[in-house]
Amino acid sequence: MVTPEQLKSWIDAGFDNAEVTVEGDGHHFEAVIVAKEFEGKTRIQRHQLVYAALGDKMKAEVHALSMKTLAPGEQA
């Protein structure tokens, strides 16, 4: 079973100095990700960056992920 800490580390690995918080029960997760890579991107583009960071883990190991993706300075 995936832990919130594992998911956080996988997301962290895909971004440069992102602020990532993850909560969840092993199947359903909520993440807040603040990353400079999101600047100038639409919500869909931001989510695509997170999915790219997770790769195949999103298909096999993570059942559901709700996320807030913010650029530095944006309000949660």
N, C-alpha and C. Protein backbone atom coordinates (compact mmCIF):
# COMPACT_ATOMS: atom_id res chain seq x y z
N MET A 1 0.85 -1.18 0.00
CA MET A 1 0.00 0.00 0.00
C MET A 1 0.90 1.25 0.00
N VAL A 2 0.52 2.22 -0.79
CA VAL A 2 1.27 3.47 -0.91
C VAL A 2 0.98 4.35 0.31
N THR A 3 2.02 4.95 0.84
CA THR A 3 1.84 5.89 1.95
C THR A 3 1.87 7.32 1.42
N PRO A 4 1.31 8.27 2.17
CA PRO A 4 1.40 9.67 1.76
C PRO A 4 2.85 10.12 1.59
N GLU A 5 3.74 9.60 2.43
CA GLU A 5 5.16 9.98 2.34
C GLU A 5 5.78 9.50 1.03
N GLN A 6 5.42 8.27 0.60
CA GLN A 6 5.94 7.78 -0.68
C GLN A 6 5.45 8.63 -1.83
N LEU A 7 4.16 8.93 -1.83
CA LEU A 7 3.59 9.74 -2.90
C LEU A 7 4.24 11.12 -2.93
N LYS A 8 4.45 11.70 -1.76
CA LYS A 8 5.12 13.00 -1.68
C LYS A 8 6.52 12.92 -2.30
N SER A 9 7.26 11.87 -1.99
CA SER A 9 8.62 11.76 -2.53
C SER A 9 8.61 11.59 -4.04
N TRP A 10 7.63 10.86 -4.58
CA TRP A 10 7.53 10.70 -6.03
C TRP A 10 7.22 12.02 -6.72
N ILE A 11 6.32 12.80 -6.12
CA ILE A 11 6.00 14.11 -6.70
C ILE A 11 7.20 15.04 -6.58
N ASP A 12 7.83 15.07 -5.40
CA ASP A 12 9.02 15.91 -5.18
C ASP A 12 10.08 15.66 -6.24
N ALA A 13 10.27 14.39 -6.60
CA ALA A 13 11.32 14.03 -7.55
C ALA A 13 11.09 14.64 -8.94
N GLY A 14 9.85 15.00 -9.25
CA GLY A 14 9.54 15.54 -10.56
C GLY A 14 9.61 17.05 -10.66
N PHE A 15 9.91 17.72 -9.55
CA PHE A 15 9.92 19.17 -9.53
C PHE A 15 11.17 19.69 -8.82
N ASP A 16 11.54 20.91 -9.14
CA ASP A 16 12.71 21.54 -8.54
C ASP A 16 12.26 22.43 -7.39
N ASN A 17 12.52 22.00 -6.16
CA ASN A 17 12.21 22.78 -4.96
C ASN A 17 10.72 23.06 -4.78
N ALA A 18 9.88 22.11 -5.06
CA ALA A 18 8.43 22.27 -4.85
C ALA A 18 8.11 22.10 -3.37
N GLU A 19 7.01 22.73 -2.96
CA GLU A 19 6.46 22.50 -1.63
C GLU A 19 5.30 21.54 -1.82
N VAL A 20 5.41 20.35 -1.23
CA VAL A 20 4.41 19.30 -1.45
C VAL A 20 3.90 18.80 -0.10
N THR A 21 2.58 18.76 0.05
CA THR A 21 1.96 18.11 1.20
C THR A 21 0.97 17.09 0.66
N VAL A 22 0.96 15.92 1.28
CA VAL A 22 0.07 14.84 0.84
C VAL A 22 -0.59 14.21 2.06
N GLU A 23 -1.88 14.00 1.96
CA GLU A 23 -2.63 13.27 2.97
C GLU A 23 -3.40 12.17 2.26
N GLY A 24 -3.64 11.07 2.95
CA GLY A 24 -4.40 10.01 2.33
C GLY A 24 -4.42 8.74 3.15
N ASP A 25 -5.19 7.77 2.64
CA ASP A 25 -5.40 6.52 3.36
C ASP A 25 -4.77 5.31 2.67
N GLY A 26 -3.93 5.54 1.70
CA GLY A 26 -3.32 4.43 0.97
C GLY A 26 -3.96 4.18 -0.38
N HIS A 27 -5.19 4.67 -0.56
CA HIS A 27 -5.88 4.52 -1.84
C HIS A 27 -6.30 5.86 -2.41
N HIS A 28 -6.81 6.74 -1.57
CA HIS A 28 -7.27 8.07 -1.96
C HIS A 28 -6.36 9.10 -1.31
N PHE A 29 -5.87 10.03 -2.12
CA PHE A 29 -4.92 11.02 -1.63
C PHE A 29 -5.35 12.43 -2.02
N GLU A 30 -4.93 13.39 -1.19
CA GLU A 30 -5.08 14.81 -1.49
C GLU A 30 -3.70 15.44 -1.39
N ALA A 31 -3.32 16.17 -2.43
CA ALA A 31 -2.01 16.80 -2.47
C ALA A 31 -2.15 18.29 -2.75
N VAL A 32 -1.30 19.06 -2.12
CA VAL A 32 -1.14 20.48 -2.43
C VAL A 32 0.30 20.63 -2.88
N ILE A 33 0.46 21.15 -4.10
CA ILE A 33 1.78 21.26 -4.70
C ILE A 33 2.00 22.70 -5.14
N VAL A 34 3.04 23.32 -4.61
CA VAL A 34 3.41 24.67 -5.00
C VAL A 34 4.75 24.56 -5.71
N ALA A 35 4.77 24.93 -7.01
CA ALA A 35 5.98 24.77 -7.80
C ALA A 35 6.11 25.88 -8.83
N LYS A 36 7.34 26.33 -9.02
CA LYS A 36 7.57 27.39 -10.01
C LYS A 36 7.27 26.90 -11.42
N GLU A 37 7.31 25.59 -11.65
CA GLU A 37 7.00 25.04 -12.97
C GLU A 37 5.56 25.30 -13.37
N PHE A 38 4.69 25.62 -12.42
CA PHE A 38 3.28 25.88 -12.72
C PHE A 38 3.00 27.30 -13.21
N GLU A 39 3.98 28.19 -13.09
CA GLU A 39 3.76 29.58 -13.50
C GLU A 39 3.39 29.65 -14.98
N GLY A 40 2.30 30.36 -15.27
CA GLY A 40 1.86 30.54 -16.65
C GLY A 40 1.15 29.34 -17.25
N LYS A 41 0.89 28.30 -16.45
CA LYS A 41 0.24 27.09 -16.95
C LYS A 41 -1.23 27.06 -16.52
N THR A 42 -2.05 26.42 -17.34
CA THR A 42 -3.46 26.21 -16.98
C THR A 42 -3.54 25.09 -15.94
N ARG A 43 -4.69 24.94 -15.33
CA ARG A 43 -4.89 23.88 -14.34
C ARG A 43 -4.63 22.50 -14.96
N ILE A 44 -5.11 22.30 -16.17
CA ILE A 44 -4.90 21.02 -16.84
C ILE A 44 -3.41 20.78 -17.10
N GLN A 45 -2.70 21.79 -17.57
CA GLN A 45 -1.27 21.64 -17.81
C GLN A 45 -0.52 21.34 -16.51
N ARG A 46 -0.93 21.96 -15.43
CA ARG A 46 -0.30 21.71 -14.13
C ARG A 46 -0.52 20.26 -13.71
N HIS A 47 -1.74 19.77 -13.86
CA HIS A 47 -2.04 18.39 -13.49
C HIS A 47 -1.26 17.42 -14.38
N GLN A 48 -1.10 17.76 -15.65
CA GLN A 48 -0.33 16.90 -16.54
C GLN A 48 1.13 16.81 -16.09
N LEU A 49 1.67 17.89 -15.57
CA LEU A 49 3.05 17.86 -15.05
C LEU A 49 3.15 16.92 -13.85
N VAL A 50 2.14 16.93 -12.99
CA VAL A 50 2.14 16.03 -11.83
C VAL A 50 2.02 14.59 -12.30
N TYR A 51 1.11 14.33 -13.22
CA TYR A 51 0.94 12.97 -13.75
C TYR A 51 2.24 12.49 -14.41
N ALA A 52 2.93 13.37 -15.11
CA ALA A 52 4.21 13.01 -15.74
C ALA A 52 5.24 12.65 -14.67
N ALA A 53 5.24 13.38 -13.56
CA ALA A 53 6.18 13.09 -12.47
C ALA A 53 5.89 11.72 -11.86
N LEU A 54 4.62 11.35 -11.81
CA LEU A 54 4.24 10.07 -11.21
C LEU A 54 4.39 8.90 -12.18
N GLY A 55 4.32 9.18 -13.47
CA GLY A 55 4.48 8.13 -14.48
C GLY A 55 3.49 7.00 -14.29
N ASP A 56 3.97 5.77 -14.42
CA ASP A 56 3.13 4.59 -14.33
C ASP A 56 2.58 4.34 -12.93
N LYS A 57 3.16 4.98 -11.93
CA LYS A 57 2.66 4.81 -10.56
C LYS A 57 1.20 5.26 -10.46
N MET A 58 0.82 6.23 -11.26
CA MET A 58 -0.56 6.72 -11.23
C MET A 58 -1.53 5.66 -11.72
N LYS A 59 -1.09 4.82 -12.63
CA LYS A 59 -1.95 3.78 -13.18
C LYS A 59 -2.06 2.58 -12.24
N ALA A 60 -0.95 2.24 -11.59
CA ALA A 60 -0.91 0.99 -10.84
C ALA A 60 -1.02 1.16 -9.33
N GLU A 61 -0.36 2.17 -8.77
CA GLU A 61 -0.21 2.23 -7.32
C GLU A 61 -1.09 3.28 -6.64
N VAL A 62 -1.53 4.29 -7.37
CA VAL A 62 -2.34 5.35 -6.79
C VAL A 62 -3.74 5.25 -7.38
N HIS A 63 -4.71 4.99 -6.52
CA HIS A 63 -6.09 4.81 -7.01
C HIS A 63 -6.74 6.15 -7.34
N ALA A 64 -6.62 7.12 -6.45
CA ALA A 64 -7.26 8.42 -6.67
C ALA A 64 -6.40 9.53 -6.07
N LEU A 65 -6.24 10.60 -6.82
CA LEU A 65 -5.43 11.73 -6.37
C LEU A 65 -6.17 13.02 -6.67
N SER A 66 -6.51 13.74 -5.62
CA SER A 66 -7.08 15.08 -5.74
C SER A 66 -5.93 16.05 -5.47
N MET A 67 -5.80 17.07 -6.30
CA MET A 67 -4.65 17.96 -6.09
C MET A 67 -4.99 19.42 -6.33
N LYS A 68 -4.30 20.25 -5.55
CA LYS A 68 -4.29 21.68 -5.77
C LYS A 68 -2.89 22.00 -6.25
N THR A 69 -2.80 22.63 -7.41
CA THR A 69 -1.51 22.94 -8.00
C THR A 69 -1.40 24.46 -8.09
N LEU A 70 -0.39 24.99 -7.41
CA LEU A 70 -0.25 26.43 -7.30
C LEU A 70 1.16 26.87 -7.68
N ALA A 71 1.26 28.03 -8.29
CA ALA A 71 2.55 28.66 -8.51
C ALA A 71 2.89 29.45 -7.23
N PRO A 72 4.16 29.69 -6.96
CA PRO A 72 4.52 30.47 -5.79
C PRO A 72 3.78 31.82 -5.77
N GLY A 73 3.25 32.16 -4.61
CA GLY A 73 2.52 33.42 -4.47
C GLY A 73 1.03 33.30 -4.65
N GLU A 74 0.54 32.20 -5.23
CA GLU A 74 -0.90 32.00 -5.38
C GLU A 74 -1.48 31.50 -4.08
N GLN A 75 -2.74 31.81 -3.85
CA GLN A 75 -3.42 31.39 -2.62
C GLN A 75 -4.03 30.02 -2.78
N ALA A 76 -3.97 29.22 -1.73
CA ALA A 76 -4.54 27.86 -1.77
C ALA A 76 -6.05 27.88 -1.74
